[in-house]
Amino acid sequence: MDFLENKLDTKIEQKIQQRLMRQSPEKTTLTEKMTNHVRDEENATSEENNKNYQDCQKETEWGRTRSEERTPQTIQQGPSTGSTEEECELEVADKMAWLYIGRLKPNITTNNVRKFLKRNGFKGNIECEKLSTRGERKAFKIGFPYSYLENTQKTDFWPQGIVVRRYHFRRKAEDTGVELQ
């Protein structure tokens, strides 16, 4: 019900503004004068000018004016990928998936985690790093070949109660900025 009342209030305010604009054309803002001047050069009528000006000034549901909606957004170009098949000293690294696993008992080590993954069919490079935690529970950052990621997303893969989620790499604050002397 509040939504309808708000909608009705905005409609009433718009109607009042339209009538005021028609009754007092001598009170114009600089933008209106500029808009009118450009439109007059194009042989447009003053009613048309007021309507166009009001249309430009109306806010959309998201809080932007129509002129802002028309501005094209810049498209960021993504990274490019090499395509040459020549042999050289550069080689492509295997794609890795990184997960956070937590709520593990204090006696669990990185070797225990690696053994668990190998026992469940993981082959290739498996990286495991202990993370610092508060309290007794342990947590690890694990990296493994991306092809095994789908297996880890099954609920019956992990023991009950273990927290598993995507690992978010943090940016180092010291790498940003400029050195001051």
Protein backbone atom coordinates (compact mmCIF):
# COMPACT_ATOMS: atom_id res chain seq x y z
CA MET A 1 0.00 0.00 0.00
CA ASP A 2 2.89 2.38 0.81
CA PHE A 3 4.33 1.70 -2.62
CA LEU A 4 1.10 2.83 -4.30
CA GLU A 5 0.91 5.95 -2.14
CA ASN A 6 4.51 6.85 -3.00
CA LYS A 7 3.84 6.25 -6.68
CA LEU A 8 0.72 8.44 -6.49
CA ASP A 9 2.65 11.20 -4.67
CA THR A 10 5.34 11.25 -7.34
CA LYS A 11 2.73 11.43 -10.11
CA ILE A 12 1.00 14.37 -8.38
CA GLU A 13 4.34 16.18 -7.95
CA GLN A 14 5.11 15.67 -11.62
CA LYS A 15 1.76 17.11 -12.68
CA ILE A 16 2.28 20.17 -10.42
CA GLN A 17 5.74 20.76 -11.87
CA GLN A 18 4.38 20.49 -15.41
CA ARG A 19 1.68 23.10 -14.69
CA LEU A 20 4.16 25.45 -13.03
CA MET A 21 6.45 25.17 -16.05
CA ARG A 22 3.56 26.10 -18.37
CA GLN A 23 2.37 29.04 -16.22
CA SER A 24 5.72 30.76 -15.59
CA PRO A 25 7.99 30.50 -18.62
CA GLU A 26 9.92 33.66 -17.56
CA LYS A 27 11.50 31.74 -14.64
CA THR A 28 13.89 29.51 -16.52
CA THR A 29 17.16 28.02 -15.44
CA LEU A 30 20.39 28.30 -17.36
CA THR A 31 20.07 24.74 -18.59
CA GLU A 32 16.56 25.40 -19.82
CA LYS A 33 17.75 28.51 -21.66
CA MET A 34 20.53 26.54 -23.30
CA THR A 35 18.15 23.74 -24.22
CA ASN A 36 15.61 26.23 -25.57
CA HIS A 37 18.28 28.05 -27.57
CA VAL A 38 19.45 24.82 -29.23
CA ARG A 39 15.89 23.72 -29.90
CA ASP A 40 14.92 27.15 -31.31
CA GLU A 41 17.74 26.86 -33.76
CA GLU A 42 16.19 23.63 -34.91
CA ASN A 43 12.77 25.36 -35.26
CA ALA A 44 11.18 23.52 -32.35
CA THR A 45 8.24 24.93 -30.39
CA SER A 46 8.54 26.04 -26.74
CA GLU A 47 6.11 23.34 -25.59
CA GLU A 48 8.33 20.77 -27.19
CA ASN A 49 11.33 22.30 -25.40
CA ASN A 50 9.68 22.08 -21.98
CA LYS A 51 8.62 18.49 -22.60
CA ASN A 52 12.12 17.46 -23.73
CA TYR A 53 13.70 19.25 -20.78
CA GLN A 54 11.34 17.54 -18.32
CA ASP A 55 12.01 14.17 -19.92
CA CYS A 56 15.75 14.69 -19.51
CA GLN A 57 15.37 15.74 -15.88
CA LYS A 58 13.09 12.87 -14.80
CA GLU A 59 14.78 10.32 -12.65
CA THR A 60 14.56 6.67 -13.57
CA GLU A 61 13.76 3.99 -11.01
CA TRP A 62 17.48 3.51 -10.33
CA GLY A 63 18.24 7.17 -9.69
CA ARG A 64 19.93 8.11 -12.97
CA THR A 65 18.77 10.64 -15.53
CA ARG A 66 18.09 9.56 -19.07
CA SER A 67 21.16 11.36 -20.36
CA GLU A 68 23.31 9.24 -18.03
CA GLU A 69 21.66 6.10 -19.35
CA ARG A 70 22.64 7.02 -22.89
CA THR A 71 26.34 7.39 -22.15
CA PRO A 72 28.20 4.37 -23.48
CA GLN A 73 30.18 2.42 -20.95
CA THR A 74 33.79 1.63 -21.72
CA ILE A 75 34.48 -2.01 -22.37
CA GLN A 76 37.58 -3.32 -20.69
CA GLN A 77 39.59 -5.60 -22.87
CA GLY A 78 40.43 -8.89 -21.18
CA PRO A 79 43.81 -10.56 -21.19
CA SER A 80 44.99 -11.97 -24.51
CA THR A 81 46.19 -15.52 -24.99
CA GLY A 82 49.17 -16.53 -27.08
CA SER A 83 48.57 -18.66 -30.16
CA THR A 84 51.96 -19.39 -31.71
CA GLU A 85 52.97 -23.04 -31.93
CA GLU A 86 56.69 -22.41 -32.11
CA GLU A 87 58.84 -24.19 -29.59
CA CYS A 88 60.45 -21.88 -27.05
CA GLU A 89 61.59 -21.79 -23.44
CA LEU A 90 58.17 -20.57 -22.19
CA GLU A 91 55.59 -23.18 -21.24
CA VAL A 92 52.02 -22.96 -20.03
CA ALA A 93 51.41 -23.88 -16.38
CA ASP A 94 48.64 -26.28 -15.43
CA LYS A 95 45.43 -24.61 -14.30
CA MET A 96 44.97 -24.97 -10.56
CA ALA A 97 41.91 -24.85 -8.31
CA TRP A 98 42.32 -23.38 -4.82
CA LEU A 99 40.12 -24.24 -1.84
CA TYR A 100 39.97 -23.30 1.83
CA ILE A 101 39.27 -26.21 4.17
CA GLY A 102 38.66 -25.51 7.84
CA ARG A 103 37.33 -26.82 11.17
CA LEU A 104 39.93 -29.56 11.25
CA LYS A 105 41.28 -31.14 14.43
CA PRO A 106 44.57 -29.79 15.85
CA ASN A 107 46.52 -32.97 15.00
CA ILE A 108 45.90 -32.72 11.20
CA THR A 109 49.00 -31.86 9.11
CA THR A 110 49.59 -30.89 5.50
CA ASN A 111 50.70 -34.49 4.83
CA ASN A 112 47.33 -35.77 6.12
CA VAL A 113 45.50 -33.49 3.68
CA ARG A 114 47.71 -34.55 0.73
CA LYS A 115 47.21 -38.25 1.58
CA PHE A 116 43.42 -37.73 1.76
CA LEU A 117 43.36 -36.16 -1.70
CA LYS A 118 45.63 -38.82 -3.25
CA ARG A 119 43.54 -41.60 -1.67
CA ASN A 120 40.47 -40.06 -3.38
CA GLY A 121 42.05 -40.21 -6.85
CA PHE A 122 43.92 -36.89 -7.15
CA LYS A 123 47.09 -37.03 -9.22
CA GLY A 124 49.60 -34.38 -10.18
CA ASN A 125 50.76 -31.36 -8.26
CA ILE A 126 48.94 -30.98 -4.91
CA GLU A 127 49.86 -27.93 -2.85
CA CYS A 128 48.84 -27.58 0.76
CA GLU A 129 49.59 -24.72 3.14
CA LYS A 130 48.61 -24.41 6.81
CA LEU A 131 46.77 -21.15 7.57
CA SER A 132 46.95 -19.31 10.86
CA THR A 133 43.74 -19.60 12.87
CA ARG A 134 42.39 -18.52 16.22
CA GLY A 135 41.88 -21.33 18.66
CA GLU A 136 42.70 -24.99 18.29
CA ARG A 137 41.04 -25.77 14.97
CA LYS A 138 43.22 -25.88 11.88
CA ALA A 139 42.66 -24.60 8.35
CA PHE A 140 44.49 -25.16 5.08
CA LYS A 141 44.79 -23.64 1.63
CA ILE A 142 44.92 -26.43 -0.93
CA GLY A 143 45.73 -26.27 -4.63
CA PHE A 144 45.27 -29.10 -7.10
CA PRO A 145 44.72 -29.60 -10.85
CA TYR A 146 41.53 -27.85 -11.98
CA SER A 147 40.13 -31.04 -13.52
CA TYR A 148 39.46 -32.43 -10.00
CA LEU A 149 37.43 -29.43 -8.81
CA GLU A 150 34.09 -31.02 -9.70
CA ASN A 151 34.87 -34.01 -7.45
CA THR A 152 35.45 -31.73 -4.45
CA GLN A 153 32.07 -30.04 -4.86
CA LYS A 154 30.18 -33.23 -4.06
CA THR A 155 28.94 -33.33 -0.46
CA ASP A 156 29.98 -36.95 0.09
CA PHE A 157 33.61 -36.22 -0.85
CA TRP A 158 34.52 -34.45 2.41
CA PRO A 159 34.12 -35.76 5.99
CA GLN A 160 31.12 -34.39 7.87
CA GLY A 161 31.55 -30.98 9.52
CA ILE A 162 34.51 -29.74 7.47
CA VAL A 163 34.11 -26.27 5.93
CA VAL A 164 35.07 -26.13 2.25
CA ARG A 165 34.93 -23.01 0.08
CA ARG A 166 36.82 -21.22 -2.66
CA TYR A 167 40.08 -19.73 -1.43
CA HIS A 168 40.25 -15.93 -1.87
CA PHE A 169 43.77 -14.62 -2.39
CA ARG A 170 44.42 -11.39 -0.53
CA ARG A 171 46.34 -8.57 -2.12
CA LYS A 172 49.38 -7.39 -0.24
CA ALA A 173 49.07 -3.76 0.84
CA GLU A 174 52.81 -3.20 0.56
CA ASP A 175 52.77 -3.81 -3.22
CA THR A 176 50.54 -0.80 -3.88
CA GLY A 177 51.36 2.88 -3.83
CA VAL A 178 54.49 4.92 -4.38
CA GLU A 179 57.52 5.19 -2.14
CA LEU A 180 57.91 8.62 -0.60
CA GLN A 181 61.35 10.00 0.21
